[in-house]
Each structure stands twice: as structure tokens, then as C-alpha cells.
C-alpha atoms as a PDB file:
ATOM      1  CA  UNK A   1      17.165   0.613 -10.148  1.00  0.00           C
ATOM      2  CA  UNK A   2      16.865  -2.197  -7.680  1.00  0.00           C
ATOM      3  CA  UNK A   3      13.395  -3.309  -6.613  1.00  0.00           C
ATOM      4  CA  UNK A   4      12.036  -5.124  -3.569  1.00  0.00           C
ATOM      5  CA  UNK A   5      12.483  -8.531  -5.191  1.00  0.00           C
ATOM      6  CA  UNK A   6      16.249  -7.864  -5.406  1.00  0.00           C
ATOM      7  CA  UNK A   7      16.523  -7.839  -1.597  1.00  0.00           C
ATOM      8  CA  UNK A   8      17.635 -11.104   0.049  1.00  0.00           C
ATOM      9  CA  UNK A   9      14.842 -12.634   2.154  1.00  0.00           C
ATOM     10  CA  UNK A  10      16.864 -12.394   5.375  1.00  0.00           C
ATOM     11  CA  UNK A  11      17.388  -8.602   5.084  1.00  0.00           C
ATOM     12  CA  UNK A  12      14.877  -6.195   6.630  1.00  0.00           C
ATOM     13  CA  UNK A  13      14.723  -2.768   5.043  1.00  0.00           C
ATOM     14  CA  UNK A  14      13.617   0.644   6.287  1.00  0.00           C
ATOM     15  CA  UNK A  15      12.835   3.917   4.549  1.00  0.00           C
ATOM     16  CA  UNK A  16      15.931   6.019   3.839  1.00  0.00           C
ATOM     17  CA  UNK A  17      14.613   9.004   1.911  1.00  0.00           C
ATOM     18  CA  UNK A  18      12.392  10.377  -0.824  1.00  0.00           C
ATOM     19  CA  UNK A  19      14.292  11.824  -3.775  1.00  0.00           C
ATOM     20  CA  UNK A  20      14.389  12.136  -7.547  1.00  0.00           C
ATOM     21  CA  UNK A  21      15.168   9.068  -9.622  1.00  0.00           C
ATOM     22  CA  UNK A  22      18.483  10.681 -10.572  1.00  0.00           C
ATOM     23  CA  UNK A  23      19.483  11.101  -6.934  1.00  0.00           C
ATOM     24  CA  UNK A  24      18.269   7.575  -6.187  1.00  0.00           C
ATOM     25  CA  UNK A  25      20.623   6.239  -8.855  1.00  0.00           C
ATOM     26  CA  UNK A  26      23.550   8.223  -7.409  1.00  0.00           C
ATOM     27  CA  UNK A  27      22.793   7.126  -3.851  1.00  0.00           C
ATOM     28  CA  UNK A  28      22.319   3.547  -5.025  1.00  0.00           C
ATOM     29  CA  UNK A  29      25.723   3.516  -6.719  1.00  0.00           C
ATOM     30  CA  UNK A  30      27.356   4.744  -3.504  1.00  0.00           C
ATOM     31  CA  UNK A  31      25.445   2.162  -1.446  1.00  0.00           C
ATOM     32  CA  UNK A  32      26.604  -0.577  -3.835  1.00  0.00           C
ATOM     33  CA  UNK A  33      30.218   0.499  -3.303  1.00  0.00           C
ATOM     34  CA  UNK A  34      29.847  -0.089   0.438  1.00  0.00           C
ATOM     35  CA  UNK A  35      27.809  -3.285   0.099  1.00  0.00           C
ATOM     36  CA  UNK A  36      24.607  -1.894   1.608  1.00  0.00           C
ATOM     37  CA  UNK A  37      21.421  -3.622   0.426  1.00  0.00           C
ATOM     38  CA  UNK A  38      18.902  -1.153  -1.016  1.00  0.00           C
ATOM     39  CA  UNK A  39      15.878  -0.850  -3.273  1.00  0.00           C
ATOM     40  CA  UNK A  40      13.689   1.878  -4.753  1.00  0.00           C
ATOM     41  CA  UNK A  41       9.945   2.282  -5.085  1.00  0.00           C
ATOM     42  CA  UNK A  42       9.610   4.549  -8.121  1.00  0.00           C
ATOM     43  CA  UNK A  43       7.040   7.346  -8.305  1.00  0.00           C
ATOM     44  CA  UNK A  44       3.466   6.238  -8.892  1.00  0.00           C
ATOM     45  CA  UNK A  45       2.188   6.170 -12.431  1.00  0.00           C
ATOM     46  CA  UNK A  46      -1.288   6.561 -13.791  1.00  0.00           C
ATOM     47  CA  UNK A  47      -4.354   7.937 -12.089  1.00  0.00           C
ATOM     48  CA  UNK A  48      -2.792   8.555  -8.656  1.00  0.00           C
ATOM     49  CA  UNK A  49       0.540   9.912  -9.894  1.00  0.00           C
ATOM     50  CA  UNK A  50      -0.122  13.295  -8.290  1.00  0.00           C
ATOM     51  CA  UNK A  51       0.104  11.668  -4.835  1.00  0.00           C
ATOM     52  CA  UNK A  52       3.696  10.551  -5.088  1.00  0.00           C
ATOM     53  CA  UNK A  53       6.229  12.427  -7.190  1.00  0.00           C
ATOM     54  CA  UNK A  54       9.491  11.148  -5.707  1.00  0.00           C
ATOM     55  CA  UNK A  55      11.224   7.800  -5.561  1.00  0.00           C
ATOM     56  CA  UNK A  56      11.204   6.169  -2.126  1.00  0.00           C
ATOM     57  CA  UNK A  57      14.518   4.563  -1.127  1.00  0.00           C
ATOM     58  CA  UNK A  58      14.822   1.714   1.349  1.00  0.00           C
ATOM     59  CA  UNK A  59      18.001   0.254   2.867  1.00  0.00           C
ATOM     60  CA  UNK A  60      19.158  -2.544   5.142  1.00  0.00           C
ATOM     61  CA  UNK A  61      17.882  -1.661   8.606  1.00  0.00           C
ATOM     62  CA  UNK A  62      21.153  -2.796  10.204  1.00  0.00           C
ATOM     63  CA  UNK A  63      23.127  -0.219   8.181  1.00  0.00           C
ATOM     64  CA  UNK A  64      20.701   2.717   8.254  1.00  0.00           C
ATOM     65  CA  UNK A  65      23.116   5.125   9.937  1.00  0.00           C
ATOM     66  CA  UNK A  66      25.825   4.538   7.324  1.00  0.00           C
ATOM     67  CA  UNK A  67      23.288   4.760   4.491  1.00  0.00           C
ATOM     68  CA  UNK A  68      21.928   8.037   5.878  1.00  0.00           C
ATOM     69  CA  UNK A  69      25.412   9.555   5.807  1.00  0.00           C
ATOM     70  CA  UNK A  70      25.845   8.449   2.184  1.00  0.00           C
ATOM     71  CA  UNK A  71      22.476   9.916   1.169  1.00  0.00           C
ATOM     72  CA  UNK A  72      23.328  13.221   2.852  1.00  0.00           C
ATOM     73  CA  UNK A  73      26.616  13.431   0.944  1.00  0.00           C
ATOM     74  CA  UNK A  74      24.809  12.897  -2.359  1.00  0.00           C
ATOM     75  CA  UNK A  75      21.876  15.208  -1.621  1.00  0.00           C
ATOM     76  CA  UNK A  76      23.977  18.018  -0.107  1.00  0.00           C
ATOM     77  CA  UNK A  77      27.351  17.826  -1.895  1.00  0.00           C
ATOM     78  CA  UNK A  78      28.533  21.216  -0.563  1.00  0.00           C
ATOM     79  CA  UNK A  79      28.024  20.105   3.034  1.00  0.00           C
ATOM     80  CA  UNK A  80      31.172  18.885   4.810  1.00  0.00           C
ATOM     81  CA  UNK A  81      29.173  16.649   7.182  1.00  0.00           C
END
């Protein structure tokens, strides 16, 4: 999983989706294939873990539309859109 420190300093990221770590890995692999910068904030651990149970994915703001289409394909594989 890529983390915030893996993002180049000139790239601004925005929230893409909340998903399982497994889906985040699949989406991340597809984003890598297209050269889209991304990172994941994993679920919280410890005392406040009940507040956040999904990974939060962030992508290059300039390529959000393309990244959204990729995430939809991974999260809804039966959907033709």
C-alpha cells in the first residue's frame, strides 16, 4: 500500500473512496497501470478503531474522473459502465 509520503510534493490529492484493504490493493494496481498517483489511509487501529473500518483512498486531483471510473470497475465488476 502506498502512503501519503509516497506522493510527490507537487501533486494534490483528493478522496476517491472508502473500501476494504483488498479492494484498495486492486484499485491501486489498476491506478498504477495508468500512472495515476494514489495513496491509502488504512483503517484506524487501537482505541478508536470502531470509528473507521475501511481504508480511505486518495488520488491525484487532476485525474479524479479517470480514477473514479477505475474504482467503479473494481468495486462493481458486473457493471458495464
